[in-house]
Amino acid sequence: CHHITGECSCPPGWMGMVCGQPCPEGRYGKNCSQECQCHNGGSCDSATGHCHCSPGFTGER
């Protein structure tokens, strides 16, 4: 956190005043500002945006 303002700069995948909240589903990155681009019900890594495929699916997204 900033030594004067007290504002925290959260690592990718986290948000909130003290960076204690993970990104909501469908969002990722710094301040959870990026939208996940996964297909067919795949889930998104909240830090990197990397897609995790649903059972029965393969590929990058």
PDB file of N, CA and C in Angstrom:
ATOM      1  N   CYS A   1       0.840  -1.195   0.000  1.00  0.00           N
ATOM      2  CA  CYS A   1       0.000   0.000   0.000  1.00  0.00           C
ATOM      3  C   CYS A   1       0.880   1.252   0.000  1.00  0.00           C
ATOM      4  N   HIS A   2       0.341   2.314  -0.568  1.00  0.00           N
ATOM      5  CA  HIS A   2       1.066   3.576  -0.661  1.00  0.00           C
ATOM      6  C   HIS A   2       1.305   4.140   0.741  1.00  0.00           C
ATOM      7  N   HIS A   3       2.509   4.599   1.007  1.00  0.00           N
ATOM      8  CA  HIS A   3       2.875   5.049   2.349  1.00  0.00           C
ATOM      9  C   HIS A   3       2.204   6.353   2.779  1.00  0.00           C
ATOM     10  N   ILE A   4       1.668   7.129   1.833  1.00  0.00           N
ATOM     11  CA  ILE A   4       0.998   8.382   2.189  1.00  0.00           C
ATOM     12  C   ILE A   4      -0.520   8.249   2.090  1.00  0.00           C
ATOM     13  N   THR A   5      -0.998   7.760   0.955  1.00  0.00           N
ATOM     14  CA  THR A   5      -2.448   7.686   0.740  1.00  0.00           C
ATOM     15  C   THR A   5      -3.078   6.445   1.356  1.00  0.00           C
ATOM     16  N   GLY A   6      -2.286   5.407   1.567  1.00  0.00           N
ATOM     17  CA  GLY A   6      -2.825   4.158   2.090  1.00  0.00           C
ATOM     18  C   GLY A   6      -3.505   3.308   1.038  1.00  0.00           C
ATOM     19  N   GLU A   7      -3.567   3.819  -0.192  1.00  0.00           N
ATOM     20  CA  GLU A   7      -4.208   3.069  -1.275  1.00  0.00           C
ATOM     21  C   GLU A   7      -3.344   1.877  -1.658  1.00  0.00           C
ATOM     22  N   CYS A   8      -4.006   0.728  -1.791  1.00  0.00           N
ATOM     23  CA  CYS A   8      -3.277  -0.484  -2.155  1.00  0.00           C
ATOM     24  C   CYS A   8      -3.272  -0.685  -3.665  1.00  0.00           C
ATOM     25  N   SER A   9      -2.166  -1.170  -4.187  1.00  0.00           N
ATOM     26  CA  SER A   9      -2.061  -1.567  -5.581  1.00  0.00           C
ATOM     27  C   SER A   9      -2.067  -3.086  -5.580  1.00  0.00           C
ATOM     28  N   CYS A  10      -3.204  -3.642  -5.951  1.00  0.00           N
ATOM     29  CA  CYS A  10      -3.387  -5.089  -5.856  1.00  0.00           C
ATOM     30  C   CYS A  10      -2.657  -5.833  -6.969  1.00  0.00           C
ATOM     31  N   PRO A  11      -2.180  -7.034  -6.656  1.00  0.00           N
ATOM     32  CA  PRO A  11      -1.601  -7.872  -7.708  1.00  0.00           C
ATOM     33  C   PRO A  11      -2.707  -8.366  -8.635  1.00  0.00           C
ATOM     34  N   PRO A  12      -2.358  -8.769  -9.851  1.00  0.00           N
ATOM     35  CA  PRO A  12      -3.376  -9.281 -10.770  1.00  0.00           C
ATOM     36  C   PRO A  12      -4.191 -10.404 -10.130  1.00  0.00           C
ATOM     37  N   GLY A  13      -5.507 -10.322 -10.318  1.00  0.00           N
ATOM     38  CA  GLY A  13      -6.404 -11.341  -9.784  1.00  0.00           C
ATOM     39  C   GLY A  13      -7.073 -10.955  -8.480  1.00  0.00           C
ATOM     40  N   TRP A  14      -6.695  -9.795  -7.928  1.00  0.00           N
ATOM     41  CA  TRP A  14      -7.228  -9.361  -6.635  1.00  0.00           C
ATOM     42  C   TRP A  14      -7.721  -7.930  -6.707  1.00  0.00           C
ATOM     43  N   MET A  15      -8.667  -7.600  -5.823  1.00  0.00           N
ATOM     44  CA  MET A  15      -9.238  -6.256  -5.789  1.00  0.00           C
ATOM     45  C   MET A  15      -9.666  -5.917  -4.364  1.00  0.00           C
ATOM     46  N   GLY A  16     -10.123  -4.692  -4.159  1.00  0.00           N
ATOM     47  CA  GLY A  16     -10.612  -4.248  -2.857  1.00  0.00           C
ATOM     48  C   GLY A  16      -9.625  -3.333  -2.160  1.00  0.00           C
ATOM     49  N   MET A  17     -10.086  -2.725  -1.074  1.00  0.00           N
ATOM     50  CA  MET A  17      -9.266  -1.769  -0.329  1.00  0.00           C
ATOM     51  C   MET A  17      -7.958  -2.382   0.178  1.00  0.00           C
ATOM     52  N   VAL A  18      -7.999  -3.628   0.587  1.00  0.00           N
ATOM     53  CA  VAL A  18      -6.786  -4.285   1.094  1.00  0.00           C
ATOM     54  C   VAL A  18      -6.429  -5.509   0.254  1.00  0.00           C
ATOM     55  N   CYS A  19      -6.930  -5.538  -0.980  1.00  0.00           N
ATOM     56  CA  CYS A  19      -6.627  -6.612  -1.932  1.00  0.00           C
ATOM     57  C   CYS A  19      -7.033  -7.986  -1.401  1.00  0.00           C
ATOM     58  N   GLY A  20      -8.123  -8.038  -0.670  1.00  0.00           N
ATOM     59  CA  GLY A  20      -8.569  -9.290  -0.086  1.00  0.00           C
ATOM     60  C   GLY A  20      -9.656  -9.999  -0.857  1.00  0.00           C
ATOM     61  N   GLN A  21     -10.095  -9.418  -1.982  1.00  0.00           N
ATOM     62  CA  GLN A  21     -11.169 -10.017  -2.761  1.00  0.00           C
ATOM     63  C   GLN A  21     -10.639 -10.488  -4.111  1.00  0.00           C
ATOM     64  N   PRO A  22     -10.907 -11.748  -4.464  1.00  0.00           N
ATOM     65  CA  PRO A  22     -10.516 -12.209  -5.803  1.00  0.00           C
ATOM     66  C   PRO A  22     -11.407 -11.557  -6.855  1.00  0.00           C
ATOM     67  N   CYS A  23     -10.938 -11.528  -8.082  1.00  0.00           N
ATOM     68  CA  CYS A  23     -11.758 -10.991  -9.175  1.00  0.00           C
ATOM     69  C   CYS A  23     -13.073 -11.764  -9.259  1.00  0.00           C
ATOM     70  N   PRO A  24     -14.152 -11.063  -9.622  1.00  0.00           N
ATOM     71  CA  PRO A  24     -15.414 -11.777  -9.833  1.00  0.00           C
ATOM     72  C   PRO A  24     -15.308 -12.682 -11.054  1.00  0.00           C
ATOM     73  N   GLU A  25     -16.161 -13.678 -11.107  1.00  0.00           N
ATOM     74  CA  GLU A  25     -16.158 -14.611 -12.234  1.00  0.00           C
ATOM     75  C   GLU A  25     -16.295 -13.836 -13.541  1.00  0.00           C
ATOM     76  N   GLY A  26     -15.470 -14.197 -14.519  1.00  0.00           N
ATOM     77  CA  GLY A  26     -15.510 -13.541 -15.820  1.00  0.00           C
ATOM     78  C   GLY A  26     -14.573 -12.356 -15.962  1.00  0.00           C
ATOM     79  N   ARG A  27     -13.828 -12.022 -14.896  1.00  0.00           N
ATOM     80  CA  ARG A  27     -12.883 -10.907 -14.937  1.00  0.00           C
ATOM     81  C   ARG A  27     -11.509 -11.402 -14.496  1.00  0.00           C
ATOM     82  N   TYR A  28     -10.454 -10.692 -14.921  1.00  0.00           N
ATOM     83  CA  TYR A  28      -9.094 -11.056 -14.517  1.00  0.00           C
ATOM     84  C   TYR A  28      -8.166  -9.867 -14.651  1.00  0.00           C
ATOM     85  N   GLY A  29      -6.944 -10.029 -14.165  1.00  0.00           N
ATOM     86  CA  GLY A  29      -5.883  -9.040 -14.347  1.00  0.00           C
ATOM     87  C   GLY A  29      -5.824  -7.983 -13.261  1.00  0.00           C
ATOM     88  N   LYS A  30      -4.991  -6.966 -13.503  1.00  0.00           N
ATOM     89  CA  LYS A  30      -4.822  -5.864 -12.560  1.00  0.00           C
ATOM     90  C   LYS A  30      -6.148  -5.134 -12.392  1.00  0.00           C
ATOM     91  N   ASN A  31      -6.567  -4.966 -11.159  1.00  0.00           N
ATOM     92  CA  ASN A  31      -7.852  -4.338 -10.827  1.00  0.00           C
ATOM     93  C   ASN A  31      -9.039  -5.051 -11.462  1.00  0.00           C
ATOM     94  N   CYS A  32      -8.842  -6.287 -11.859  1.00  0.00           N
ATOM     95  CA  CYS A  32      -9.914  -7.101 -12.470  1.00  0.00           C
ATOM     96  C   CYS A  32     -10.518  -6.379 -13.672  1.00  0.00           C
ATOM     97  N   SER A  33      -9.680  -5.663 -14.411  1.00  0.00           N
ATOM     98  CA  SER A  33     -10.159  -4.797 -15.488  1.00  0.00           C
ATOM     99  C   SER A  33     -10.338  -5.502 -16.828  1.00  0.00           C
ATOM    100  N   GLN A  34      -9.860  -6.735 -16.941  1.00  0.00           N
ATOM    101  CA  GLN A  34      -9.966  -7.457 -18.207  1.00  0.00           C
ATOM    102  C   GLN A  34     -11.131  -8.441 -18.166  1.00  0.00           C
ATOM    103  N   GLU A  35     -11.765  -8.640 -19.316  1.00  0.00           N
ATOM    104  CA  GLU A  35     -12.870  -9.585 -19.414  1.00  0.00           C
ATOM    105  C   GLU A  35     -12.368 -10.906 -19.983  1.00  0.00           C
ATOM    106  N   CYS A  36     -12.727 -12.006 -19.338  1.00  0.00           N
ATOM    107  CA  CYS A  36     -12.312 -13.332 -19.795  1.00  0.00           C
ATOM    108  C   CYS A  36     -12.906 -13.632 -21.167  1.00  0.00           C
ATOM    109  N   GLN A  37     -12.152 -14.376 -21.974  1.00  0.00           N
ATOM    110  CA  GLN A  37     -12.573 -14.710 -23.332  1.00  0.00           C
ATOM    111  C   GLN A  37     -12.688 -16.219 -23.530  1.00  0.00           C
ATOM    112  N   CYS A  38     -13.060 -16.945 -22.487  1.00  0.00           N
ATOM    113  CA  CYS A  38     -13.170 -18.403 -22.576  1.00  0.00           C
ATOM    114  C   CYS A  38     -14.491 -18.805 -23.231  1.00  0.00           C
ATOM    115  N   HIS A  39     -14.472 -19.919 -23.952  1.00  0.00           N
ATOM    116  CA  HIS A  39     -15.650 -20.423 -24.661  1.00  0.00           C
ATOM    117  C   HIS A  39     -16.150 -21.714 -24.028  1.00  0.00           C
ATOM    118  N   ASN A  40     -17.373 -22.087 -24.385  1.00  0.00           N
ATOM    119  CA  ASN A  40     -17.969 -23.375 -23.997  1.00  0.00           C
ATOM    120  C   ASN A  40     -17.938 -23.628 -22.492  1.00  0.00           C
ATOM    121  N   GLY A  41     -18.153 -22.579 -21.714  1.00  0.00           N
ATOM    122  CA  GLY A  41     -18.221 -22.739 -20.265  1.00  0.00           C
ATOM    123  C   GLY A  41     -16.888 -22.864 -19.568  1.00  0.00           C
ATOM    124  N   GLY A  42     -15.791 -22.573 -20.281  1.00  0.00           N
ATOM    125  CA  GLY A  42     -14.470 -22.641 -19.659  1.00  0.00           C
ATOM    126  C   GLY A  42     -14.321 -21.576 -18.589  1.00  0.00           C
ATOM    127  N   SER A  43     -13.483 -21.846 -17.600  1.00  0.00           N
ATOM    128  CA  SER A  43     -13.236 -20.867 -16.546  1.00  0.00           C
ATOM    129  C   SER A  43     -11.913 -20.157 -16.816  1.00  0.00           C
ATOM    130  N   CYS A  44     -11.775 -18.998 -16.220  1.00  0.00           N
ATOM    131  CA  CYS A  44     -10.656 -18.109 -16.494  1.00  0.00           C
ATOM    132  C   CYS A  44      -9.810 -17.931 -15.240  1.00  0.00           C
ATOM    133  N   ASP A  45      -8.487 -18.030 -15.376  1.00  0.00           N
ATOM    134  CA  ASP A  45      -7.589 -17.751 -14.260  1.00  0.00           C
ATOM    135  C   ASP A  45      -7.684 -16.263 -13.929  1.00  0.00           C
ATOM    136  N   SER A  46      -7.966 -15.927 -12.682  1.00  0.00           N
ATOM    137  CA  SER A  46      -8.218 -14.533 -12.319  1.00  0.00           C
ATOM    138  C   SER A  46      -6.982 -13.645 -12.405  1.00  0.00           C
ATOM    139  N   ALA A  47      -5.790 -14.225 -12.413  1.00  0.00           N
ATOM    140  CA  ALA A  47      -4.568 -13.431 -12.525  1.00  0.00           C
ATOM    141  C   ALA A  47      -4.116 -13.276 -13.971  1.00  0.00           C
ATOM    142  N   THR A  48      -4.136 -14.376 -14.738  1.00  0.00           N
ATOM    143  CA  THR A  48      -3.548 -14.371 -16.079  1.00  0.00           C
ATOM    144  C   THR A  48      -4.555 -14.321 -17.220  1.00  0.00           C
ATOM    145  N   GLY A  49      -5.794 -14.723 -16.963  1.00  0.00           N
ATOM    146  CA  GLY A  49      -6.797 -14.809 -18.025  1.00  0.00           C
ATOM    147  C   GLY A  49      -6.737 -16.116 -18.785  1.00  0.00           C
ATOM    148  N   HIS A  50      -5.794 -16.996 -18.416  1.00  0.00           N
ATOM    149  CA  HIS A  50      -5.665 -18.300 -19.076  1.00  0.00           C
ATOM    150  C   HIS A  50      -6.940 -19.103 -18.850  1.00  0.00           C
ATOM    151  N   CYS A  51      -7.456 -19.698 -19.924  1.00  0.00           N
ATOM    152  CA  CYS A  51      -8.702 -20.463 -19.839  1.00  0.00           C
ATOM    153  C   CYS A  51      -8.445 -21.903 -19.411  1.00  0.00           C
ATOM    154  N   HIS A  52      -9.340 -22.405 -18.585  1.00  0.00           N
ATOM    155  CA  HIS A  52      -9.346 -23.805 -18.164  1.00  0.00           C
ATOM    156  C   HIS A  52     -10.587 -24.423 -18.784  1.00  0.00           C
ATOM    157  N   CYS A  53     -10.387 -25.399 -19.655  1.00  0.00           N
ATOM    158  CA  CYS A  53     -11.498 -25.983 -20.411  1.00  0.00           C
ATOM    159  C   CYS A  53     -12.431 -26.806 -19.535  1.00  0.00           C
ATOM    160  N   SER A  54     -13.707 -26.767 -19.911  1.00  0.00           N
ATOM    161  CA  SER A  54     -14.704 -27.634 -19.287  1.00  0.00           C
ATOM    162  C   SER A  54     -14.443 -29.070 -19.726  1.00  0.00           C
ATOM    163  N   PRO A  55     -14.906 -30.051 -18.945  1.00  0.00           N
ATOM    164  CA  PRO A  55     -14.717 -31.453 -19.344  1.00  0.00           C
ATOM    165  C   PRO A  55     -15.242 -31.710 -20.759  1.00  0.00           C
ATOM    166  N   GLY A  56     -14.440 -32.408 -21.556  1.00  0.00           N
ATOM    167  CA  GLY A  56     -14.818 -32.736 -22.920  1.00  0.00           C
ATOM    168  C   GLY A  56     -14.369 -31.724 -23.955  1.00  0.00           C
ATOM    169  N   PHE A  57     -13.753 -30.617 -23.519  1.00  0.00           N
ATOM    170  CA  PHE A  57     -13.293 -29.584 -24.448  1.00  0.00           C
ATOM    171  C   PHE A  57     -11.787 -29.421 -24.329  1.00  0.00           C
ATOM    172  N   THR A  58     -11.144 -29.041 -25.447  1.00  0.00           N
ATOM    173  CA  THR A  58      -9.708 -28.767 -25.458  1.00  0.00           C
ATOM    174  C   THR A  58      -9.467 -27.502 -26.268  1.00  0.00           C
ATOM    175  N   GLY A  59      -8.286 -26.944 -26.151  1.00  0.00           N
ATOM    176  CA  GLY A  59      -7.916 -25.768 -26.927  1.00  0.00           C
ATOM    177  C   GLY A  59      -7.487 -24.623 -26.031  1.00  0.00           C
ATOM    178  N   GLU A  60      -7.190 -23.485 -26.664  1.00  0.00           N
ATOM    179  CA  GLU A  60      -6.709 -22.321 -25.930  1.00  0.00           C
ATOM    180  C   GLU A  60      -7.822 -21.580 -25.205  1.00  0.00           C
ATOM    181  N   ARG A  61      -9.054 -21.616 -25.734  1.00  0.00           N
ATOM    182  CA  ARG A  61     -10.140 -20.881 -25.110  1.00  0.00           C
ATOM    183  C   ARG A  61     -11.357 -21.746 -24.981  1.00  0.00           C
TER     184      ARG A  61
END
